[in-house]
Amino acid sequence: MNIDRMEFMAWMERIMERFDILGERLNQAQTNCNALDGEVLLDSQDLFRMLKVSNRSLQRYRSSGRLPYYTISGKLYYKLSDVHHFMRESFSVPMARTKTTADK
């Protein structure tokens, strides 16, 4: 199958135009992200990936009051600053290991 140069260049130009359109849509999606009072909002799916926890664990954090959440149109959202605060409070420094008689 032979494709002449002009036809190839036309196809490549159309492909590049599509890439430009996709790039613009991605930029719009990033700027139109969910926000409340100028703060980024994350949904449950974002937290599953960020914290690597199950749905049940996330529910337990909400129920205990450790992780504040907001309900907008029946969907749960979390402020990014609240998530960072939750992560800082949940972080524990590992205890220093002491030498035992078996280690000597």
PDB file of N, CA and C in Angstrom:
ATOM      1  N   MET A   1       0.844  -1.175   0.000  1.00  0.00           N
ATOM      2  CA  MET A   1       0.000   0.000   0.000  1.00  0.00           C
ATOM      3  C   MET A   1       0.887   1.235   0.000  1.00  0.00           C
ATOM      4  N   ASN A   2       0.719   2.066  -0.979  1.00  0.00           N
ATOM      5  CA  ASN A   2       1.503   3.287  -1.097  1.00  0.00           C
ATOM      6  C   ASN A   2       0.650   4.489  -0.779  1.00  0.00           C
ATOM      7  N   ILE A   3       1.170   5.342   0.072  1.00  0.00           N
ATOM      8  CA  ILE A   3       0.496   6.589   0.413  1.00  0.00           C
ATOM      9  C   ILE A   3       1.409   7.710  -0.045  1.00  0.00           C
ATOM     10  N   ASP A   4       0.844   8.612  -0.830  1.00  0.00           N
ATOM     11  CA  ASP A   4       1.702   9.698  -1.292  1.00  0.00           C
ATOM     12  C   ASP A   4       1.971  10.679  -0.161  1.00  0.00           C
ATOM     13  N   ARG A   5       2.985  11.453  -0.331  1.00  0.00           N
ATOM     14  CA  ARG A   5       3.454  12.359   0.711  1.00  0.00           C
ATOM     15  C   ARG A   5       2.393  13.379   1.113  1.00  0.00           C
ATOM     16  N   MET A   6       1.654  13.908   0.165  1.00  0.00           N
ATOM     17  CA  MET A   6       0.643  14.916   0.465  1.00  0.00           C
ATOM     18  C   MET A   6      -0.467  14.334   1.348  1.00  0.00           C
ATOM     19  N   GLU A   7      -0.903  13.113   1.034  1.00  0.00           N
ATOM     20  CA  GLU A   7      -1.938  12.467   1.827  1.00  0.00           C
ATOM     21  C   GLU A   7      -1.439  12.189   3.249  1.00  0.00           C
ATOM     22  N   PHE A   8      -0.193  11.751   3.368  1.00  0.00           N
ATOM     23  CA  PHE A   8       0.411  11.486   4.668  1.00  0.00           C
ATOM     24  C   PHE A   8       0.483  12.758   5.504  1.00  0.00           C
ATOM     25  N   MET A   9       0.908  13.856   4.882  1.00  0.00           N
ATOM     26  CA  MET A   9       1.026  15.120   5.605  1.00  0.00           C
ATOM     27  C   MET A   9      -0.350  15.622   6.048  1.00  0.00           C
ATOM     28  N   ALA A  10      -1.371  15.402   5.239  1.00  0.00           N
ATOM     29  CA  ALA A  10      -2.726  15.819   5.605  1.00  0.00           C
ATOM     30  C   ALA A  10      -3.194  15.030   6.824  1.00  0.00           C
ATOM     31  N   TRP A  11      -2.935  13.735   6.831  1.00  0.00           N
ATOM     32  CA  TRP A  11      -3.313  12.901   7.980  1.00  0.00           C
ATOM     33  C   TRP A  11      -2.566  13.332   9.247  1.00  0.00           C
ATOM     34  N   MET A  12      -1.312  13.571   9.114  1.00  0.00           N
ATOM     35  CA  MET A  12      -0.522  13.992  10.272  1.00  0.00           C
ATOM     36  C   MET A  12      -1.006  15.336  10.817  1.00  0.00           C
ATOM     37  N   GLU A  13      -1.389  16.239   9.916  1.00  0.00           N
ATOM     38  CA  GLU A  13      -1.895  17.535  10.353  1.00  0.00           C
ATOM     39  C   GLU A  13      -3.206  17.365  11.127  1.00  0.00           C
ATOM     40  N   ARG A  14      -4.084  16.490  10.666  1.00  0.00           N
ATOM     41  CA  ARG A  14      -5.338  16.228  11.369  1.00  0.00           C
ATOM     42  C   ARG A  14      -5.078  15.616  12.747  1.00  0.00           C
ATOM     43  N   ILE A  15      -4.125  14.710  12.814  1.00  0.00           N
ATOM     44  CA  ILE A  15      -3.789  14.082  14.105  1.00  0.00           C
ATOM     45  C   ILE A  15      -3.257  15.125  15.079  1.00  0.00           C
ATOM     46  N   MET A  16      -2.385  16.001  14.603  1.00  0.00           N
ATOM     47  CA  MET A  16      -1.820  17.033  15.479  1.00  0.00           C
ATOM     48  C   MET A  16      -2.901  18.010  15.948  1.00  0.00           C
ATOM     49  N   GLU A  17      -3.870  18.316  15.096  1.00  0.00           N
ATOM     50  CA  GLU A  17      -4.977  19.181  15.507  1.00  0.00           C
ATOM     51  C   GLU A  17      -5.775  18.519  16.621  1.00  0.00           C
ATOM     52  N   ARG A  18      -5.995  17.221  16.497  1.00  0.00           N
ATOM     53  CA  ARG A  18      -6.723  16.489  17.542  1.00  0.00           C
ATOM     54  C   ARG A  18      -5.951  16.506  18.856  1.00  0.00           C
ATOM     55  N   PHE A  19      -4.630  16.339  18.792  1.00  0.00           N
ATOM     56  CA  PHE A  19      -3.813  16.408  20.004  1.00  0.00           C
ATOM     57  C   PHE A  19      -3.928  17.786  20.655  1.00  0.00           C
ATOM     58  N   ASP A  20      -3.949  18.823  19.841  1.00  0.00           N
ATOM     59  CA  ASP A  20      -4.095  20.183  20.378  1.00  0.00           C
ATOM     60  C   ASP A  20      -5.438  20.342  21.084  1.00  0.00           C
ATOM     61  N   ILE A  21      -6.498  19.817  20.477  1.00  0.00           N
ATOM     62  CA  ILE A  21      -7.833  19.893  21.080  1.00  0.00           C
ATOM     63  C   ILE A  21      -7.853  19.143  22.407  1.00  0.00           C
ATOM     64  N   LEU A  22      -7.271  17.945  22.438  1.00  0.00           N
ATOM     65  CA  LEU A  22      -7.214  17.170  23.680  1.00  0.00           C
ATOM     66  C   LEU A  22      -6.414  17.896  24.755  1.00  0.00           C
ATOM     67  N   GLY A  23      -5.317  18.505  24.370  1.00  0.00           N
ATOM     68  CA  GLY A  23      -4.503  19.262  25.325  1.00  0.00           C
ATOM     69  C   GLY A  23      -5.277  20.414  25.937  1.00  0.00           C
ATOM     70  N   GLU A  24      -6.048  21.127  25.109  1.00  0.00           N
ATOM     71  CA  GLU A  24      -6.861  22.226  25.617  1.00  0.00           C
ATOM     72  C   GLU A  24      -7.922  21.721  26.585  1.00  0.00           C
ATOM     73  N   ARG A  25      -8.543  20.598  26.266  1.00  0.00           N
ATOM     74  CA  ARG A  25      -9.571  20.034  27.154  1.00  0.00           C
ATOM     75  C   ARG A  25      -8.975  19.591  28.482  1.00  0.00           C
ATOM     76  N   LEU A  26      -7.779  19.035  28.448  1.00  0.00           N
ATOM     77  CA  LEU A  26      -7.125  18.650  29.698  1.00  0.00           C
ATOM     78  C   LEU A  26      -6.816  19.869  30.559  1.00  0.00           C
ATOM     79  N   ASN A  27      -6.342  20.917  29.942  1.00  0.00           N
ATOM     80  CA  ASN A  27      -6.061  22.152  30.688  1.00  0.00           C
ATOM     81  C   ASN A  27      -7.324  22.724  31.304  1.00  0.00           C
ATOM     82  N   GLN A  28      -8.435  22.694  30.566  1.00  0.00           N
ATOM     83  CA  GLN A  28      -9.702  23.188  31.099  1.00  0.00           C
ATOM     84  C   GLN A  28     -10.166  22.334  32.271  1.00  0.00           C
ATOM     85  N   ALA A  29     -10.007  21.024  32.153  1.00  0.00           N
ATOM     86  CA  ALA A  29     -10.435  20.127  33.229  1.00  0.00           C
ATOM     87  C   ALA A  29      -9.626  20.374  34.497  1.00  0.00           C
ATOM     88  N   GLN A  30      -8.343  20.648  34.339  1.00  0.00           N
ATOM     89  CA  GLN A  30      -7.503  20.904  35.506  1.00  0.00           C
ATOM     90  C   GLN A  30      -7.874  22.224  36.175  1.00  0.00           C
ATOM     91  N   THR A  31      -8.218  23.225  35.405  1.00  0.00           N
ATOM     92  CA  THR A  31      -8.558  24.511  35.999  1.00  0.00           C
ATOM     93  C   THR A  31      -9.964  24.497  36.574  1.00  0.00           C
ATOM     94  N   ASN A  32     -10.819  23.612  36.098  1.00  0.00           N
ATOM     95  CA  ASN A  32     -12.192  23.531  36.594  1.00  0.00           C
ATOM     96  C   ASN A  32     -12.356  22.464  37.671  1.00  0.00           C
ATOM     97  N   CYS A  33     -11.279  22.129  38.369  1.00  0.00           N
ATOM     98  CA  CYS A  33     -11.369  21.101  39.395  1.00  0.00           C
ATOM     99  C   CYS A  33     -12.268  21.591  40.530  1.00  0.00           C
ATOM    100  N   ASN A  34     -12.766  20.653  41.295  1.00  0.00           N
ATOM    101  CA  ASN A  34     -13.679  20.985  42.385  1.00  0.00           C
ATOM    102  C   ASN A  34     -12.969  21.815  43.440  1.00  0.00           C
ATOM    103  N   ALA A  35     -13.628  22.875  43.862  1.00  0.00           N
ATOM    104  CA  ALA A  35     -13.051  23.728  44.901  1.00  0.00           C
ATOM    105  C   ALA A  35     -14.168  24.297  45.772  1.00  0.00           C
ATOM    106  N   LEU A  36     -13.838  24.524  47.024  1.00  0.00           N
ATOM    107  CA  LEU A  36     -14.765  25.125  47.975  1.00  0.00           C
ATOM    108  C   LEU A  36     -13.992  26.174  48.761  1.00  0.00           C
ATOM    109  N   ASP A  37     -14.436  27.408  48.696  1.00  0.00           N
ATOM    110  CA  ASP A  37     -13.737  28.525  49.353  1.00  0.00           C
ATOM    111  C   ASP A  37     -12.273  28.593  48.933  1.00  0.00           C
ATOM    112  N   GLY A  38     -12.009  28.312  47.664  1.00  0.00           N
ATOM    113  CA  GLY A  38     -10.648  28.383  47.154  1.00  0.00           C
ATOM    114  C   GLY A  38      -9.783  27.199  47.542  1.00  0.00           C
ATOM    115  N   GLU A  39     -10.383  26.171  48.124  1.00  0.00           N
ATOM    116  CA  GLU A  39      -9.638  24.989  48.533  1.00  0.00           C
ATOM    117  C   GLU A  39     -10.030  23.802  47.679  1.00  0.00           C
ATOM    118  N   VAL A  40      -9.056  22.985  47.326  1.00  0.00           N
ATOM    119  CA  VAL A  40      -9.301  21.827  46.467  1.00  0.00           C
ATOM    120  C   VAL A  40     -10.118  20.785  47.217  1.00  0.00           C
ATOM    121  N   LEU A  41     -11.126  20.246  46.540  1.00  0.00           N
ATOM    122  CA  LEU A  41     -11.949  19.176  47.104  1.00  0.00           C
ATOM    123  C   LEU A  41     -11.590  17.853  46.439  1.00  0.00           C
ATOM    124  N   LEU A  42     -11.500  16.823  47.235  1.00  0.00           N
ATOM    125  CA  LEU A  42     -11.217  15.480  46.733  1.00  0.00           C
ATOM    126  C   LEU A  42     -12.435  14.605  46.991  1.00  0.00           C
ATOM    127  N   ASP A  43     -12.710  13.685  46.075  1.00  0.00           N
ATOM    128  CA  ASP A  43     -13.805  12.750  46.323  1.00  0.00           C
ATOM    129  C   ASP A  43     -13.240  11.456  46.907  1.00  0.00           C
ATOM    130  N   SER A  44     -14.114  10.507  47.189  1.00  0.00           N
ATOM    131  CA  SER A  44     -13.686   9.258  47.830  1.00  0.00           C
ATOM    132  C   SER A  44     -12.690   8.489  46.967  1.00  0.00           C
ATOM    133  N   GLN A  45     -12.901   8.494  45.659  1.00  0.00           N
ATOM    134  CA  GLN A  45     -11.975   7.789  44.776  1.00  0.00           C
ATOM    135  C   GLN A  45     -10.569   8.361  44.870  1.00  0.00           C
ATOM    136  N   ASP A  46     -10.478   9.681  44.965  1.00  0.00           N
ATOM    137  CA  ASP A  46      -9.171  10.324  45.118  1.00  0.00           C
ATOM    138  C   ASP A  46      -8.492   9.854  46.405  1.00  0.00           C
ATOM    139  N   LEU A  47      -9.264   9.771  47.487  1.00  0.00           N
ATOM    140  CA  LEU A  47      -8.699   9.349  48.766  1.00  0.00           C
ATOM    141  C   LEU A  47      -8.317   7.880  48.771  1.00  0.00           C
ATOM    142  N   PHE A  48      -9.098   7.029  48.085  1.00  0.00           N
ATOM    143  CA  PHE A  48      -8.728   5.607  47.994  1.00  0.00           C
ATOM    144  C   PHE A  48      -7.327   5.483  47.413  1.00  0.00           C
ATOM    145  N   ARG A  49      -7.096   6.234  46.330  1.00  0.00           N
ATOM    146  CA  ARG A  49      -5.790   6.161  45.663  1.00  0.00           C
ATOM    147  C   ARG A  49      -4.698   6.844  46.479  1.00  0.00           C
ATOM    148  N   MET A  50      -5.022   7.973  47.083  1.00  0.00           N
ATOM    149  CA  MET A  50      -4.017   8.736  47.826  1.00  0.00           C
ATOM    150  C   MET A  50      -3.579   8.013  49.098  1.00  0.00           C
ATOM    151  N   LEU A  51      -4.545   7.541  49.874  1.00  0.00           N
ATOM    152  CA  LEU A  51      -4.246   6.923  51.169  1.00  0.00           C
ATOM    153  C   LEU A  51      -4.061   5.412  51.087  1.00  0.00           C
ATOM    154  N   LYS A  52      -4.462   4.827  49.936  1.00  0.00           N
ATOM    155  CA  LYS A  52      -4.385   3.376  49.753  1.00  0.00           C
ATOM    156  C   LYS A  52      -5.148   2.641  50.857  1.00  0.00           C
ATOM    157  N   VAL A  53      -6.402   3.062  51.039  1.00  0.00           N
ATOM    158  CA  VAL A  53      -7.270   2.452  52.039  1.00  0.00           C
ATOM    159  C   VAL A  53      -8.542   1.958  51.355  1.00  0.00           C
ATOM    160  N   SER A  54      -9.279   1.126  52.062  1.00  0.00           N
ATOM    161  CA  SER A  54     -10.532   0.601  51.534  1.00  0.00           C
ATOM    162  C   SER A  54     -11.673   1.578  51.814  1.00  0.00           C
ATOM    163  N   ASN A  55     -12.803   1.289  51.208  1.00  0.00           N
ATOM    164  CA  ASN A  55     -14.002   2.091  51.427  1.00  0.00           C
ATOM    165  C   ASN A  55     -14.410   2.042  52.902  1.00  0.00           C
ATOM    166  N   ARG A  56     -14.306   0.870  53.495  1.00  0.00           N
ATOM    167  CA  ARG A  56     -14.679   0.700  54.899  1.00  0.00           C
ATOM    168  C   ARG A  56     -13.775   1.523  55.819  1.00  0.00           C
ATOM    169  N   SER A  57     -12.481   1.542  55.558  1.00  0.00           N
ATOM    170  CA  SER A  57     -11.561   2.336  56.382  1.00  0.00           C
ATOM    171  C   SER A  57     -11.904   3.817  56.290  1.00  0.00           C
ATOM    172  N   LEU A  58     -12.200   4.275  55.090  1.00  0.00           N
ATOM    173  CA  LEU A  58     -12.560   5.670  54.905  1.00  0.00           C
ATOM    174  C   LEU A  58     -13.852   5.987  55.659  1.00  0.00           C
ATOM    175  N   GLN A  59     -14.790   5.065  55.634  1.00  0.00           N
ATOM    176  CA  GLN A  59     -16.040   5.241  56.365  1.00  0.00           C
ATOM    177  C   GLN A  59     -15.775   5.299  57.875  1.00  0.00           C
ATOM    178  N   ARG A  60     -14.865   4.474  58.361  1.00  0.00           N
ATOM    179  CA  ARG A  60     -14.523   4.466  59.778  1.00  0.00           C
ATOM    180  C   ARG A  60     -13.891   5.800  60.181  1.00  0.00           C
ATOM    181  N   TYR A  61     -13.022   6.359  59.344  1.00  0.00           N
ATOM    182  CA  TYR A  61     -12.406   7.654  59.640  1.00  0.00           C
ATOM    183  C   TYR A  61     -13.465   8.757  59.702  1.00  0.00           C
ATOM    184  N   ARG A  62     -14.453   8.689  58.807  1.00  0.00           N
ATOM    185  CA  ARG A  62     -15.526   9.686  58.824  1.00  0.00           C
ATOM    186  C   ARG A  62     -16.379   9.542  60.073  1.00  0.00           C
ATOM    187  N   SER A  63     -16.761   8.299  60.390  1.00  0.00           N
ATOM    188  CA  SER A  63     -17.651   8.050  61.535  1.00  0.00           C
ATOM    189  C   SER A  63     -17.019   8.453  62.850  1.00  0.00           C
ATOM    190  N   SER A  64     -15.718   8.235  62.973  1.00  0.00           N
ATOM    191  CA  SER A  64     -15.036   8.582  64.220  1.00  0.00           C
ATOM    192  C   SER A  64     -14.761  10.085  64.332  1.00  0.00           C
ATOM    193  N   GLY A  65     -14.959  10.816  63.237  1.00  0.00           N
ATOM    194  CA  GLY A  65     -14.721  12.254  63.254  1.00  0.00           C
ATOM    195  C   GLY A  65     -13.277  12.620  63.003  1.00  0.00           C
ATOM    196  N   ARG A  66     -12.447  11.634  62.686  1.00  0.00           N
ATOM    197  CA  ARG A  66     -11.030  11.916  62.444  1.00  0.00           C
ATOM    198  C   ARG A  66     -10.806  12.604  61.097  1.00  0.00           C
ATOM    199  N   LEU A  67     -11.722  12.376  60.146  1.00  0.00           N
ATOM    200  CA  LEU A  67     -11.582  12.958  58.811  1.00  0.00           C
ATOM    201  C   LEU A  67     -12.862  13.714  58.444  1.00  0.00           C
ATOM    202  N   PRO A  68     -12.824  15.047  58.486  1.00  0.00           N
ATOM    203  CA  PRO A  68     -14.013  15.834  58.146  1.00  0.00           C
ATOM    204  C   PRO A  68     -14.386  15.659  56.673  1.00  0.00           C
ATOM    205  N   TYR A  69     -15.671  15.724  56.389  1.00  0.00           N
ATOM    206  CA  TYR A  69     -16.143  15.576  55.014  1.00  0.00           C
ATOM    207  C   TYR A  69     -17.327  16.494  54.774  1.00  0.00           C
ATOM    208  N   TYR A  70     -17.645  16.681  53.510  1.00  0.00           N
ATOM    209  CA  TYR A  70     -18.745  17.534  53.098  1.00  0.00           C
ATOM    210  C   TYR A  70     -19.585  16.767  52.088  1.00  0.00           C
ATOM    211  N   THR A  71     -20.890  16.913  52.185  1.00  0.00           N
ATOM    212  CA  THR A  71     -21.784  16.270  51.236  1.00  0.00           C
ATOM    213  C   THR A  71     -22.360  17.335  50.317  1.00  0.00           C
ATOM    214  N   ILE A  72     -22.106  17.177  49.030  1.00  0.00           N
ATOM    215  CA  ILE A  72     -22.616  18.105  48.031  1.00  0.00           C
ATOM    216  C   ILE A  72     -23.372  17.284  46.997  1.00  0.00           C
ATOM    217  N   SER A  73     -24.653  17.537  46.885  1.00  0.00           N
ATOM    218  CA  SER A  73     -25.523  16.803  45.948  1.00  0.00           C
ATOM    219  C   SER A  73     -25.418  15.297  46.150  1.00  0.00           C
ATOM    220  N   GLY A  74     -25.322  14.866  47.393  1.00  0.00           N
ATOM    221  CA  GLY A  74     -25.299  13.443  47.710  1.00  0.00           C
ATOM    222  C   GLY A  74     -23.945  12.777  47.533  1.00  0.00           C
ATOM    223  N   LYS A  75     -22.922  13.539  47.195  1.00  0.00           N
ATOM    224  CA  LYS A  75     -21.586  12.976  47.010  1.00  0.00           C
ATOM    225  C   LYS A  75     -20.657  13.511  48.090  1.00  0.00           C
ATOM    226  N   LEU A  76     -19.782  12.651  48.589  1.00  0.00           N
ATOM    227  CA  LEU A  76     -18.862  13.034  49.655  1.00  0.00           C
ATOM    228  C   LEU A  76     -17.604  13.674  49.087  1.00  0.00           C
ATOM    229  N   TYR A  77     -17.188  14.757  49.732  1.00  0.00           N
ATOM    230  CA  TYR A  77     -15.956  15.444  49.356  1.00  0.00           C
ATOM    231  C   TYR A  77     -15.150  15.729  50.613  1.00  0.00           C
ATOM    232  N   TYR A  78     -13.849  15.864  50.417  1.00  0.00           N
ATOM    233  CA  TYR A  78     -12.912  16.123  51.506  1.00  0.00           C
ATOM    234  C   TYR A  78     -12.012  17.285  51.084  1.00  0.00           C
ATOM    235  N   LYS A  79     -11.783  18.228  51.999  1.00  0.00           N
ATOM    236  CA  LYS A  79     -10.847  19.312  51.708  1.00  0.00           C
ATOM    237  C   LYS A  79      -9.429  18.762  51.763  1.00  0.00           C
ATOM    238  N   LEU A  80      -8.612  19.196  50.837  1.00  0.00           N
ATOM    239  CA  LEU A  80      -7.230  18.730  50.781  1.00  0.00           C
ATOM    240  C   LEU A  80      -6.484  19.073  52.068  1.00  0.00           C
ATOM    241  N   SER A  81      -6.739  20.246  52.644  1.00  0.00           N
ATOM    242  CA  SER A  81      -6.056  20.627  53.888  1.00  0.00           C
ATOM    243  C   SER A  81      -6.470  19.700  55.030  1.00  0.00           C
ATOM    244  N   ASP A  82      -7.748  19.279  55.061  1.00  0.00           N
ATOM    245  CA  ASP A  82      -8.203  18.343  56.094  1.00  0.00           C
ATOM    246  C   ASP A  82      -7.531  16.989  55.940  1.00  0.00           C
ATOM    247  N   VAL A  83      -7.351  16.563  54.698  1.00  0.00           N
ATOM    248  CA  VAL A  83      -6.688  15.281  54.432  1.00  0.00           C
ATOM    249  C   VAL A  83      -5.237  15.352  54.888  1.00  0.00           C
ATOM    250  N   HIS A  84      -4.559  16.468  54.582  1.00  0.00           N
ATOM    251  CA  HIS A  84      -3.164  16.625  55.019  1.00  0.00           C
ATOM    252  C   HIS A  84      -3.076  16.626  56.550  1.00  0.00           C
ATOM    253  N   HIS A  85      -4.001  17.301  57.203  1.00  0.00           N
ATOM    254  CA  HIS A  85      -4.023  17.331  58.670  1.00  0.00           C
ATOM    255  C   HIS A  85      -4.247  15.922  59.214  1.00  0.00           C
ATOM    256  N   PHE A  86      -5.176  15.179  58.634  1.00  0.00           N
ATOM    257  CA  PHE A  86      -5.447  13.796  59.039  1.00  0.00           C
ATOM    258  C   PHE A  86      -4.194  12.932  58.876  1.00  0.00           C
ATOM    259  N   MET A  87      -3.491  13.114  57.774  1.00  0.00           N
ATOM    260  CA  MET A  87      -2.281  12.319  57.524  1.00  0.00           C
ATOM    261  C   MET A  87      -1.192  12.653  58.552  1.00  0.00           C
ATOM    262  N   ARG A  88      -1.043  13.942  58.882  1.00  0.00           N
ATOM    263  CA  ARG A  88      -0.021  14.323  59.867  1.00  0.00           C
ATOM    264  C   ARG A  88      -0.343  13.731  61.238  1.00  0.00           C
ATOM    265  N   GLU A  89      -1.620  13.759  61.614  1.00  0.00           N
ATOM    266  CA  GLU A  89      -1.995  13.228  62.928  1.00  0.00           C
ATOM    267  C   GLU A  89      -1.910  11.710  62.976  1.00  0.00           C
ATOM    268  N   SER A  90      -2.100  11.055  61.838  1.00  0.00           N
ATOM    269  CA  SER A  90      -2.078   9.592  61.795  1.00  0.00           C
ATOM    270  C   SER A  90      -0.664   9.042  61.676  1.00  0.00           C
ATOM    271  N   PHE A  91       0.272   9.907  61.314  1.00  0.00           N
ATOM    272  CA  PHE A  91       1.648   9.470  61.126  1.00  0.00           C
ATOM    273  C   PHE A  91       2.298   9.198  62.471  1.00  0.00           C
ATOM    274  N   SER A  92       2.924   8.045  62.584  1.00  0.00           N
ATOM    275  CA  SER A  92       3.649   7.740  63.823  1.00  0.00           C
ATOM    276  C   SER A  92       5.081   7.377  63.474  1.00  0.00           C
ATOM    277  N   VAL A  93       5.992   7.904  64.263  1.00  0.00           N
ATOM    278  CA  VAL A  93       7.407   7.639  64.056  1.00  0.00           C
ATOM    279  C   VAL A  93       7.723   6.266  64.633  1.00  0.00           C
ATOM    280  N   PRO A  94       8.404   5.410  63.868  1.00  0.00           N
ATOM    281  CA  PRO A  94       8.734   4.092  64.405  1.00  0.00           C
ATOM    282  C   PRO A  94       9.657   4.216  65.618  1.00  0.00           C
ATOM    283  N   MET A  95       9.435   3.341  66.570  1.00  0.00           N
ATOM    284  CA  MET A  95      10.251   3.362  67.783  1.00  0.00           C
ATOM    285  C   MET A  95      11.663   2.891  67.461  1.00  0.00           C
ATOM    286  N   ALA A  96      12.629   3.491  68.118  1.00  0.00           N
ATOM    287  CA  ALA A  96      14.014   3.091  67.921  1.00  0.00           C
ATOM    288  C   ALA A  96      14.207   1.684  68.481  1.00  0.00           C
ATOM    289  N   ARG A  97      14.885   0.892  67.732  1.00  0.00           N
ATOM    290  CA  ARG A  97      15.104  -0.482  68.151  1.00  0.00           C
ATOM    291  C   ARG A  97      16.263  -0.532  69.143  1.00  0.00           C
ATOM    292  N   THR A  98      16.059  -1.178  70.253  1.00  0.00           N
ATOM    293  CA  THR A  98      17.121  -1.291  71.249  1.00  0.00           C
ATOM    294  C   THR A  98      17.762  -2.658  71.116  1.00  0.00           C
ATOM    295  N   LYS A  99      19.009  -2.713  71.461  1.00  0.00           N
ATOM    296  CA  LYS A  99      19.732  -3.975  71.374  1.00  0.00           C
ATOM    297  C   LYS A  99      19.300  -4.904  72.513  1.00  0.00           C
ATOM    298  N   THR A 100      19.039  -6.121  72.172  1.00  0.00           N
ATOM    299  CA  THR A 100      18.722  -7.129  73.198  1.00  0.00           C
ATOM    300  C   THR A 100      19.945  -8.001  73.375  1.00  0.00           C
ATOM    301  N   THR A 101      19.882  -8.876  74.337  1.00  0.00           N
ATOM    302  CA  THR A 101      21.032  -9.764  74.585  1.00  0.00           C
ATOM    303  C   THR A 101      21.257 -10.673  73.400  1.00  0.00           C
ATOM    304  N   ALA A 102      20.220 -11.001  72.644  1.00  0.00           N
ATOM    305  CA  ALA A 102      20.387 -11.882  71.484  1.00  0.00           C
ATOM    306  C   ALA A 102      21.119 -11.168  70.355  1.00  0.00           C
ATOM    307  N   ASP A 103      21.020  -9.832  70.280  1.00  0.00           N
ATOM    308  CA  ASP A 103      21.675  -9.055  69.232  1.00  0.00           C
ATOM    309  C   ASP A 103      23.170  -8.871  69.504  1.00  0.00           C
ATOM    310  N   LYS A 104      23.598  -9.008  70.717  1.00  0.00           N
ATOM    311  CA  LYS A 104      25.006  -8.749  71.080  1.00  0.00           C
ATOM    312  C   LYS A 104      25.928  -9.814  70.655  1.00  0.00           C
TER     313      LYS A 104
END
